[in-house]
Amino acid sequence: MKKAIQIFLSVIIMFTAMGIPVNAYDADAETNDSRVFIQTDEYSMLLDEYEELCRSSKTNENRKSLEELCYLIKEYPQYILEKQKMSEQQLKTENYTEEQIYAIKNYDGSPAMTKAASASVTGSLSHVSRTYNSSANRTYVTVTASVHWNGTPLVKGTDTLGIALAGSSTFVRSNSYCLISHPTGSVYSSSYQTQVGLGVQYRFGISADGINMFNYALLSYTGVAEGNVNVYAFSGAYSHFTYGSNIGFGFSIGGSYSAGISFTPVPGYELMWSDDDSVY
């Protein structure tokens, strides 16, 4: 059984035809102005999924999942107590914040303190640029998504970072890369999957040695479409896996392109946690 913590970030951008330059590779003024931040802690993710499975009508089918979640939830206080043995400087090296360090050093075992001491993840999505090449009659849109952890999560496996882009004309991959910054140096993930007209997703290991976490992951995606596309939507998602997997998440478009883009888990893979925040 494999589970994933999945974070959704979505933004819809609309431009009026009058405001778009038509000279070759002219950049729009509306760049770098759309960003969505989502932050949550790992312990809350585990609790949310456990409660969701308990409410499910398929409790018997979810028994194994509940047992695994129950184990991780029970393990978390002990995991924090192990962190408590570390010095403040060592915890800072693992990118824990002052608030998290305080919670770890003053840990009393309560659910509130467990959440406060738990590793947390932050994701952001940015609209970088839109250019229109009038001679080729093509529109280029670049979007970036990034994630980083404060603290070291209990679960360390293979994560997936993805971006989807859709508009009045089909976008295809023009260029993309995923930069993973580790304490020992930065590497580019070459394990990616594209879906024409939807987007790209990259998989990467979050810990090279099973102890140290990556500093941050940055995914850049440029899509190209025929014509002067002035209405489009883009989304980003991050999956944090409980157990190693070579599969991330599937893409789907809900309604029309102007309604935004949603990410759905691959059949057979349950979400551990999910959230959605949109800007229109």
C-alpha atoms as a PDB file:
ATOM      1  CA  MET A   1       0.000   0.000   0.000  1.00  0.00           C
ATOM      2  CA  LYS A   2       1.350   3.379  -0.941  1.00  0.00           C
ATOM      3  CA  LYS A   3       0.104   6.729   0.276  1.00  0.00           C
ATOM      4  CA  ALA A   4       0.884  10.270  -0.617  1.00  0.00           C
ATOM      5  CA  ILE A   5       0.621  13.666   0.955  1.00  0.00           C
ATOM      6  CA  GLN A   6      -0.520  15.841  -1.899  1.00  0.00           C
ATOM      7  CA  ILE A   7      -0.521  19.617  -1.911  1.00  0.00           C
ATOM      8  CA  PHE A   8      -2.472  21.540  -4.501  1.00  0.00           C
ATOM      9  CA  LEU A   9      -1.665  25.014  -5.740  1.00  0.00           C
ATOM     10  CA  SER A  10      -3.739  26.532  -8.505  1.00  0.00           C
ATOM     11  CA  VAL A  11      -4.002  29.893 -10.222  1.00  0.00           C
ATOM     12  CA  ILE A  12      -6.067  31.109 -13.150  1.00  0.00           C
ATOM     13  CA  ILE A  13      -4.702  33.993 -15.213  1.00  0.00           C
ATOM     14  CA  MET A  14      -6.859  35.934 -17.689  1.00  0.00           C
ATOM     15  CA  PHE A  15      -5.575  38.645 -20.017  1.00  0.00           C
ATOM     16  CA  THR A  16      -7.573  40.970 -22.249  1.00  0.00           C
ATOM     17  CA  ALA A  17      -6.567  40.993 -25.882  1.00  0.00           C
ATOM     18  CA  MET A  18      -6.025  44.750 -25.771  1.00  0.00           C
ATOM     19  CA  GLY A  19      -3.311  44.426 -23.126  1.00  0.00           C
ATOM     20  CA  ILE A  20      -1.133  41.906 -24.940  1.00  0.00           C
ATOM     21  CA  PRO A  21       1.749  43.110 -27.133  1.00  0.00           C
ATOM     22  CA  VAL A  22       2.012  41.409 -30.511  1.00  0.00           C
ATOM     23  CA  ASN A  23       5.669  42.047 -31.291  1.00  0.00           C
ATOM     24  CA  ALA A  24       7.952  39.048 -31.396  1.00  0.00           C
ATOM     25  CA  TYR A  25       8.724  37.765 -27.869  1.00  0.00           C
ATOM     26  CA  ASP A  26       7.287  40.832 -26.200  1.00  0.00           C
ATOM     27  CA  ALA A  27       6.812  40.072 -22.498  1.00  0.00           C
ATOM     28  CA  ASP A  28       3.565  40.920 -20.756  1.00  0.00           C
ATOM     29  CA  ALA A  29       3.496  43.282 -17.804  1.00  0.00           C
ATOM     30  CA  GLU A  30       1.603  40.644 -15.801  1.00  0.00           C
ATOM     31  CA  THR A  31       4.574  38.529 -14.703  1.00  0.00           C
ATOM     32  CA  ASN A  32       5.760  37.253 -11.328  1.00  0.00           C
ATOM     33  CA  ASP A  33       2.551  38.543  -9.756  1.00  0.00           C
ATOM     34  CA  SER A  34       0.691  35.325  -8.907  1.00  0.00           C
ATOM     35  CA  ARG A  35       1.857  33.238  -6.000  1.00  0.00           C
ATOM     36  CA  VAL A  36       0.056  30.882  -3.650  1.00  0.00           C
ATOM     37  CA  PHE A  37       1.628  29.641  -0.414  1.00  0.00           C
ATOM     38  CA  ILE A  38       0.438  26.581   1.443  1.00  0.00           C
ATOM     39  CA  GLN A  39       2.001  25.312   4.681  1.00  0.00           C
ATOM     40  CA  THR A  40       1.118  22.362   6.859  1.00  0.00           C
ATOM     41  CA  ASP A  41       2.822  19.986   9.269  1.00  0.00           C
ATOM     42  CA  GLU A  42       3.390  16.273   8.765  1.00  0.00           C
ATOM     43  CA  TYR A  43       1.703  15.163  11.990  1.00  0.00           C
ATOM     44  CA  SER A  44      -1.547  16.924  11.057  1.00  0.00           C
ATOM     45  CA  MET A  45      -1.446  15.203   7.687  1.00  0.00           C
ATOM     46  CA  LEU A  46      -1.328  11.816   9.386  1.00  0.00           C
ATOM     47  CA  LEU A  47      -4.190  12.685  11.742  1.00  0.00           C
ATOM     48  CA  ASP A  48      -6.357  14.065   8.932  1.00  0.00           C
ATOM     49  CA  GLU A  49      -5.986  10.945   6.851  1.00  0.00           C
ATOM     50  CA  TYR A  50      -6.627   8.671   9.818  1.00  0.00           C
ATOM     51  CA  GLU A  51      -9.863  10.505  10.619  1.00  0.00           C
ATOM     52  CA  GLU A  52     -10.908  10.428   6.966  1.00  0.00           C
ATOM     53  CA  LEU A  53     -10.398   6.673   6.745  1.00  0.00           C
ATOM     54  CA  CYS A  54     -12.298   6.157  10.001  1.00  0.00           C
ATOM     55  CA  ARG A  55     -15.270   8.014   8.495  1.00  0.00           C
ATOM     56  CA  SER A  56     -15.110   5.950   5.335  1.00  0.00           C
ATOM     57  CA  SER A  57     -17.768   3.311   4.701  1.00  0.00           C
ATOM     58  CA  LYS A  58     -15.028   0.920   3.560  1.00  0.00           C
ATOM     59  CA  THR A  59     -13.458   0.582   6.992  1.00  0.00           C
ATOM     60  CA  ASN A  60     -12.659  -3.111   6.569  1.00  0.00           C
ATOM     61  CA  GLU A  61     -10.920  -2.470   3.256  1.00  0.00           C
ATOM     62  CA  ASN A  62      -8.968   0.346   4.892  1.00  0.00           C
ATOM     63  CA  ARG A  63      -7.865  -1.739   7.869  1.00  0.00           C
ATOM     64  CA  LYS A  64      -4.265  -2.092   6.666  1.00  0.00           C
ATOM     65  CA  SER A  65      -4.066   1.618   5.920  1.00  0.00           C
ATOM     66  CA  LEU A  66      -5.439   2.454   9.360  1.00  0.00           C
ATOM     67  CA  GLU A  67      -2.914   0.166  11.023  1.00  0.00           C
ATOM     68  CA  GLU A  68      -0.038   1.797   9.179  1.00  0.00           C
ATOM     69  CA  LEU A  69      -1.290   5.295   9.963  1.00  0.00           C
ATOM     70  CA  CYS A  70      -1.849   4.355  13.582  1.00  0.00           C
ATOM     71  CA  TYR A  71       1.749   3.125  13.780  1.00  0.00           C
ATOM     72  CA  LEU A  72       3.116   6.367  12.327  1.00  0.00           C
ATOM     73  CA  ILE A  73       0.960   8.506  14.633  1.00  0.00           C
ATOM     74  CA  LYS A  74       2.117   6.560  17.685  1.00  0.00           C
ATOM     75  CA  GLU A  75       5.716   6.731  16.473  1.00  0.00           C
ATOM     76  CA  TYR A  76       5.714  10.508  16.086  1.00  0.00           C
ATOM     77  CA  PRO A  77       6.078  11.463  19.800  1.00  0.00           C
ATOM     78  CA  GLN A  78       9.086   9.147  20.099  1.00  0.00           C
ATOM     79  CA  TYR A  79      10.516  10.667  16.920  1.00  0.00           C
ATOM     80  CA  ILE A  80      10.262  14.128  18.500  1.00  0.00           C
ATOM     81  CA  LEU A  81      11.866  12.882  21.730  1.00  0.00           C
ATOM     82  CA  GLU A  82      14.815  11.665  19.663  1.00  0.00           C
ATOM     83  CA  LYS A  83      15.067  15.147  18.153  1.00  0.00           C
ATOM     84  CA  GLN A  84      14.955  16.579  21.676  1.00  0.00           C
ATOM     85  CA  LYS A  85      18.364  15.022  22.339  1.00  0.00           C
ATOM     86  CA  MET A  86      19.885  17.163  19.619  1.00  0.00           C
ATOM     87  CA  SER A  87      21.396  20.574  20.303  1.00  0.00           C
ATOM     88  CA  GLU A  88      19.645  23.724  19.095  1.00  0.00           C
ATOM     89  CA  GLN A  89      22.392  24.209  16.530  1.00  0.00           C
ATOM     90  CA  GLN A  90      21.898  20.686  15.187  1.00  0.00           C
ATOM     91  CA  LEU A  91      18.163  21.321  14.882  1.00  0.00           C
ATOM     92  CA  LYS A  92      18.829  24.585  13.056  1.00  0.00           C
ATOM     93  CA  THR A  93      21.041  22.640  10.674  1.00  0.00           C
ATOM     94  CA  GLU A  94      17.968  20.547   9.858  1.00  0.00           C
ATOM     95  CA  ASN A  95      16.136  23.809   9.092  1.00  0.00           C
ATOM     96  CA  TYR A  96      13.820  23.742  12.108  1.00  0.00           C
ATOM     97  CA  THR A  97      12.411  27.177  12.941  1.00  0.00           C
ATOM     98  CA  GLU A  98      12.765  28.852  16.354  1.00  0.00           C
ATOM     99  CA  GLU A  99       9.129  27.987  17.100  1.00  0.00           C
ATOM    100  CA  GLN A 100       9.650  24.328  16.209  1.00  0.00           C
ATOM    101  CA  ILE A 101      12.836  24.141  18.289  1.00  0.00           C
ATOM    102  CA  TYR A 102      11.007  25.625  21.278  1.00  0.00           C
ATOM    103  CA  ALA A 103       8.258  23.016  20.895  1.00  0.00           C
ATOM    104  CA  ILE A 104      10.815  20.207  20.631  1.00  0.00           C
ATOM    105  CA  LYS A 105      12.821  21.318  23.678  1.00  0.00           C
ATOM    106  CA  ASN A 106       9.646  21.816  25.737  1.00  0.00           C
ATOM    107  CA  TYR A 107       7.797  18.812  24.360  1.00  0.00           C
ATOM    108  CA  ASP A 108       5.143  17.418  26.712  1.00  0.00           C
ATOM    109  CA  GLY A 109       3.618  14.774  24.470  1.00  0.00           C
ATOM    110  CA  SER A 110       0.359  16.629  23.858  1.00  0.00           C
ATOM    111  CA  PRO A 111      -1.193  16.699  20.360  1.00  0.00           C
ATOM    112  CA  ALA A 112      -0.784  20.484  20.183  1.00  0.00           C
ATOM    113  CA  MET A 113       2.935  20.310  20.977  1.00  0.00           C
ATOM    114  CA  THR A 114       3.356  17.377  18.592  1.00  0.00           C
ATOM    115  CA  LYS A 115       1.968  19.482  15.760  1.00  0.00           C
ATOM    116  CA  ALA A 116       4.128  22.444  16.774  1.00  0.00           C
ATOM    117  CA  ALA A 117       7.283  20.296  16.844  1.00  0.00           C
ATOM    118  CA  SER A 118       6.454  18.404  13.647  1.00  0.00           C
ATOM    119  CA  ALA A 119       8.325  19.018  10.394  1.00  0.00           C
ATOM    120  CA  SER A 120       6.359  21.303   8.070  1.00  0.00           C
ATOM    121  CA  VAL A 121       6.308  21.773   4.313  1.00  0.00           C
ATOM    122  CA  THR A 122       5.738  24.958   2.334  1.00  0.00           C
ATOM    123  CA  GLY A 123       4.877  25.130  -1.365  1.00  0.00           C
ATOM    124  CA  SER A 124       4.612  28.070  -3.727  1.00  0.00           C
ATOM    125  CA  LEU A 125       3.510  28.595  -7.307  1.00  0.00           C
ATOM    126  CA  SER A 126       4.605  31.519  -9.502  1.00  0.00           C
ATOM    127  CA  HIS A 127       3.614  32.841 -12.898  1.00  0.00           C
ATOM    128  CA  VAL A 128       7.001  33.883 -14.328  1.00  0.00           C
ATOM    129  CA  SER A 129       6.287  35.122 -17.830  1.00  0.00           C
ATOM    130  CA  ARG A 130       4.131  35.111 -20.949  1.00  0.00           C
ATOM    131  CA  THR A 131       5.596  35.943 -24.356  1.00  0.00           C
ATOM    132  CA  TYR A 132       4.043  35.976 -27.797  1.00  0.00           C
ATOM    133  CA  ASN A 133       6.118  35.372 -30.928  1.00  0.00           C
ATOM    134  CA  SER A 134       4.117  37.098 -33.654  1.00  0.00           C
ATOM    135  CA  SER A 135       6.281  35.782 -36.504  1.00  0.00           C
ATOM    136  CA  ALA A 136       5.779  32.177 -35.405  1.00  0.00           C
ATOM    137  CA  ASN A 137       2.298  32.853 -34.025  1.00  0.00           C
ATOM    138  CA  ARG A 138       3.068  31.043 -30.771  1.00  0.00           C
ATOM    139  CA  THR A 139       2.537  31.819 -27.100  1.00  0.00           C
ATOM    140  CA  TYR A 140       5.060  30.802 -24.433  1.00  0.00           C
ATOM    141  CA  VAL A 141       4.132  30.639 -20.746  1.00  0.00           C
ATOM    142  CA  THR A 142       6.582  29.847 -17.937  1.00  0.00           C
ATOM    143  CA  VAL A 143       5.460  28.777 -14.472  1.00  0.00           C
ATOM    144  CA  THR A 144       7.536  27.664 -11.481  1.00  0.00           C
ATOM    145  CA  ALA A 145       6.655  25.636  -8.403  1.00  0.00           C
ATOM    146  CA  SER A 146       8.877  25.166  -5.379  1.00  0.00           C
ATOM    147  CA  VAL A 147       8.768  23.296  -2.068  1.00  0.00           C
ATOM    148  CA  HIS A 148      10.918  23.149   1.036  1.00  0.00           C
ATOM    149  CA  TRP A 149      10.726  21.557   4.464  1.00  0.00           C
ATOM    150  CA  ASN A 150      11.305  23.105   7.857  1.00  0.00           C
ATOM    151  CA  GLY A 151      12.620  20.206   9.865  1.00  0.00           C
ATOM    152  CA  THR A 152      13.101  16.574   8.915  1.00  0.00           C
ATOM    153  CA  PRO A 153       9.907  14.575   8.290  1.00  0.00           C
ATOM    154  CA  LEU A 154       9.446  11.117   9.730  1.00  0.00           C
ATOM    155  CA  VAL A 155       8.543   9.774   6.304  1.00  0.00           C
ATOM    156  CA  LYS A 156      11.367   9.812   3.770  1.00  0.00           C
ATOM    157  CA  GLY A 157      10.752   8.422   0.307  1.00  0.00           C
ATOM    158  CA  THR A 158      10.210   9.531  -3.273  1.00  0.00           C
ATOM    159  CA  ASP A 159       8.358  12.802  -3.779  1.00  0.00           C
ATOM    160  CA  THR A 160       6.798  14.259  -6.908  1.00  0.00           C
ATOM    161  CA  LEU A 161       6.500  17.899  -7.981  1.00  0.00           C
ATOM    162  CA  GLY A 162       4.308  18.836 -10.928  1.00  0.00           C
ATOM    163  CA  ILE A 163       2.878  21.722 -12.933  1.00  0.00           C
ATOM    164  CA  ALA A 164      -0.110  21.691 -15.290  1.00  0.00           C
ATOM    165  CA  LEU A 165      -0.984  24.350 -17.865  1.00  0.00           C
ATOM    166  CA  ALA A 166      -4.081  24.646 -20.040  1.00  0.00           C
ATOM    167  CA  GLY A 167      -5.600  27.356 -22.214  1.00  0.00           C
ATOM    168  CA  SER A 168      -7.803  28.178 -25.164  1.00  0.00           C
ATOM    169  CA  SER A 169      -5.157  26.452 -27.304  1.00  0.00           C
ATOM    170  CA  THR A 170      -3.318  23.279 -26.310  1.00  0.00           C
ATOM    171  CA  PHE A 171       0.022  23.819 -24.576  1.00  0.00           C
ATOM    172  CA  VAL A 172       2.851  21.325 -25.099  1.00  0.00           C
ATOM    173  CA  ARG A 173       6.160  21.086 -23.265  1.00  0.00           C
ATOM    174  CA  SER A 174       8.734  23.503 -24.649  1.00  0.00           C
ATOM    175  CA  ASN A 175      11.184  23.190 -21.773  1.00  0.00           C
ATOM    176  CA  SER A 176      11.238  22.045 -18.159  1.00  0.00           C
ATOM    177  CA  TYR A 177      13.667  21.148 -15.409  1.00  0.00           C
ATOM    178  CA  CYS A 178      13.579  20.254 -11.734  1.00  0.00           C
ATOM    179  CA  LEU A 179      16.462  21.499  -9.573  1.00  0.00           C
ATOM    180  CA  ILE A 180      16.895  19.654  -6.265  1.00  0.00           C
ATOM    181  CA  SER A 181      19.197  21.359  -3.778  1.00  0.00           C
ATOM    182  CA  HIS A 182      20.788  18.936  -1.293  1.00  0.00           C
ATOM    183  CA  PRO A 183      23.240  19.797   1.505  1.00  0.00           C
ATOM    184  CA  THR A 184      25.911  18.021  -0.534  1.00  0.00           C
ATOM    185  CA  GLY A 185      25.115  19.930  -3.722  1.00  0.00           C
ATOM    186  CA  SER A 186      22.416  20.517  -6.325  1.00  0.00           C
ATOM    187  CA  VAL A 187      21.244  17.944  -8.844  1.00  0.00           C
ATOM    188  CA  TYR A 188      18.713  17.947 -11.645  1.00  0.00           C
ATOM    189  CA  SER A 189      16.037  15.292 -11.637  1.00  0.00           C
ATOM    190  CA  SER A 190      15.883  13.422 -14.938  1.00  0.00           C
ATOM    191  CA  SER A 191      12.941  11.251 -13.943  1.00  0.00           C
ATOM    192  CA  TYR A 192       9.982  13.053 -15.432  1.00  0.00           C
ATOM    193  CA  GLN A 193       6.702  12.343 -17.172  1.00  0.00           C
ATOM    194  CA  THR A 194       4.831  14.672 -19.511  1.00  0.00           C
ATOM    195  CA  GLN A 195       1.223  14.693 -20.613  1.00  0.00           C
ATOM    196  CA  VAL A 196       0.548  16.669 -23.780  1.00  0.00           C
ATOM    197  CA  GLY A 197      -1.836  19.538 -23.164  1.00  0.00           C
ATOM    198  CA  LEU A 198      -1.635  19.107 -19.402  1.00  0.00           C
ATOM    199  CA  GLY A 199       1.834  19.377 -17.921  1.00  0.00           C
ATOM    200  CA  VAL A 200       4.869  17.677 -16.435  1.00  0.00           C
ATOM    201  CA  GLN A 201       5.812  15.964 -13.186  1.00  0.00           C
ATOM    202  CA  TYR A 202       9.237  15.153 -11.752  1.00  0.00           C
ATOM    203  CA  ARG A 203      10.118  12.500  -9.171  1.00  0.00           C
ATOM    204  CA  PHE A 204      13.027  12.744  -6.774  1.00  0.00           C
ATOM    205  CA  GLY A 205      14.331  11.267  -3.531  1.00  0.00           C
ATOM    206  CA  ILE A 206      13.971  13.692  -0.641  1.00  0.00           C
ATOM    207  CA  SER A 207      16.950  12.282   1.257  1.00  0.00           C
ATOM    208  CA  ALA A 208      20.168  11.070  -0.303  1.00  0.00           C
ATOM    209  CA  ASP A 209      21.371   9.295   2.856  1.00  0.00           C
ATOM    210  CA  GLY A 210      18.121   8.636   4.709  1.00  0.00           C
ATOM    211  CA  ILE A 211      18.949  11.365   7.228  1.00  0.00           C
ATOM    212  CA  ASN A 212      19.572  14.721   5.571  1.00  0.00           C
ATOM    213  CA  MET A 213      16.719  16.366   3.678  1.00  0.00           C
ATOM    214  CA  PHE A 214      16.868  18.269   0.427  1.00  0.00           C
ATOM    215  CA  ASN A 215      17.012  22.048   0.951  1.00  0.00           C
ATOM    216  CA  TYR A 216      14.435  22.899  -1.693  1.00  0.00           C
ATOM    217  CA  ALA A 217      13.045  21.692  -5.005  1.00  0.00           C
ATOM    218  CA  LEU A 218      12.322  24.083  -7.864  1.00  0.00           C
ATOM    219  CA  LEU A 219      10.385  23.027 -10.943  1.00  0.00           C
ATOM    220  CA  SER A 220      10.245  25.275 -13.993  1.00  0.00           C
ATOM    221  CA  TYR A 221       7.855  24.517 -16.847  1.00  0.00           C
ATOM    222  CA  THR A 222       7.467  26.365 -20.144  1.00  0.00           C
ATOM    223  CA  GLY A 223       4.558  25.468 -22.365  1.00  0.00           C
ATOM    224  CA  VAL A 224       4.071  26.593 -25.960  1.00  0.00           C
ATOM    225  CA  ALA A 225       0.753  26.895 -27.787  1.00  0.00           C
ATOM    226  CA  GLU A 226      -0.301  27.880 -31.284  1.00  0.00           C
ATOM    227  CA  GLY A 227      -1.761  31.387 -31.610  1.00  0.00           C
ATOM    228  CA  ASN A 228      -1.994  34.371 -29.317  1.00  0.00           C
ATOM    229  CA  VAL A 229      -3.360  32.667 -26.187  1.00  0.00           C
ATOM    230  CA  ASN A 230      -4.679  35.210 -23.703  1.00  0.00           C
ATOM    231  CA  VAL A 231      -6.705  33.007 -21.351  1.00  0.00           C
ATOM    232  CA  TYR A 232      -5.045  30.142 -19.546  1.00  0.00           C
ATOM    233  CA  ALA A 233      -4.852  28.391 -16.202  1.00  0.00           C
ATOM    234  CA  PHE A 234      -2.018  26.693 -14.381  1.00  0.00           C
ATOM    235  CA  SER A 235      -1.671  24.536 -11.281  1.00  0.00           C
ATOM    236  CA  GLY A 236       1.021  22.884  -9.239  1.00  0.00           C
ATOM    237  CA  ALA A 237       1.077  19.905  -6.916  1.00  0.00           C
ATOM    238  CA  TYR A 238       3.505  18.173  -4.585  1.00  0.00           C
ATOM    239  CA  SER A 239       3.220  14.588  -3.368  1.00  0.00           C
ATOM    240  CA  HIS A 240       5.100  13.340  -0.312  1.00  0.00           C
ATOM    241  CA  PHE A 241       5.070   9.548  -0.256  1.00  0.00           C
ATOM    242  CA  THR A 242       4.795   7.361   2.759  1.00  0.00           C
ATOM    243  CA  TYR A 243       6.346   4.484   0.875  1.00  0.00           C
ATOM    244  CA  GLY A 244       8.678   4.696  -2.116  1.00  0.00           C
ATOM    245  CA  SER A 245       6.927   4.744  -5.458  1.00  0.00           C
ATOM    246  CA  ASN A 246       7.778   5.504  -9.067  1.00  0.00           C
ATOM    247  CA  ILE A 247       4.332   6.923  -9.737  1.00  0.00           C
ATOM    248  CA  GLY A 248       3.213  10.424  -8.864  1.00  0.00           C
ATOM    249  CA  PHE A 249      -0.221  11.828  -9.602  1.00  0.00           C
ATOM    250  CA  GLY A 250      -2.461  12.105 -12.613  1.00  0.00           C
ATOM    251  CA  PHE A 251      -3.607  15.305 -14.311  1.00  0.00           C
ATOM    252  CA  SER A 252      -7.180  16.206 -15.109  1.00  0.00           C
ATOM    253  CA  ILE A 253      -9.014  19.336 -16.168  1.00  0.00           C
ATOM    254  CA  GLY A 254     -12.297  20.034 -14.441  1.00  0.00           C
ATOM    255  CA  GLY A 255     -14.924  21.535 -16.742  1.00  0.00           C
ATOM    256  CA  SER A 256     -13.329  23.944 -19.215  1.00  0.00           C
ATOM    257  CA  TYR A 257      -9.790  25.253 -19.156  1.00  0.00           C
ATOM    258  CA  SER A 258     -11.054  28.479 -17.620  1.00  0.00           C
ATOM    259  CA  ALA A 259     -12.333  26.540 -14.607  1.00  0.00           C
ATOM    260  CA  GLY A 260      -8.808  25.648 -13.561  1.00  0.00           C
ATOM    261  CA  ILE A 261      -6.861  22.427 -13.349  1.00  0.00           C
ATOM    262  CA  SER A 262      -7.085  19.783 -10.658  1.00  0.00           C
ATOM    263  CA  PHE A 263      -4.673  16.989  -9.774  1.00  0.00           C
ATOM    264  CA  THR A 264      -6.003  13.558  -8.987  1.00  0.00           C
ATOM    265  CA  PRO A 265      -4.173  10.579  -7.480  1.00  0.00           C
ATOM    266  CA  VAL A 266      -3.332   7.701  -9.760  1.00  0.00           C
ATOM    267  CA  PRO A 267      -5.925   4.904  -9.308  1.00  0.00           C
ATOM    268  CA  GLY A 268      -4.835   2.674  -6.451  1.00  0.00           C
ATOM    269  CA  TYR A 269      -3.006   5.464  -4.619  1.00  0.00           C
ATOM    270  CA  GLU A 270      -4.804   7.182  -1.777  1.00  0.00           C
ATOM    271  CA  LEU A 271      -4.141  10.753  -0.701  1.00  0.00           C
ATOM    272  CA  MET A 272      -2.830  11.207   2.815  1.00  0.00           C
ATOM    273  CA  TRP A 273      -3.622  14.906   2.827  1.00  0.00           C
ATOM    274  CA  SER A 274      -4.776  17.510   0.357  1.00  0.00           C
ATOM    275  CA  ASP A 275      -5.621  21.175   0.196  1.00  0.00           C
ATOM    276  CA  ASP A 276      -6.550  23.661  -2.516  1.00  0.00           C
ATOM    277  CA  ASP A 277      -6.071  27.408  -2.624  1.00  0.00           C
ATOM    278  CA  SER A 278      -6.879  29.441  -5.735  1.00  0.00           C
ATOM    279  CA  VAL A 279      -6.461  33.031  -6.842  1.00  0.00           C
ATOM    280  CA  TYR A 280      -8.677  34.439  -9.574  1.00  0.00           C
END
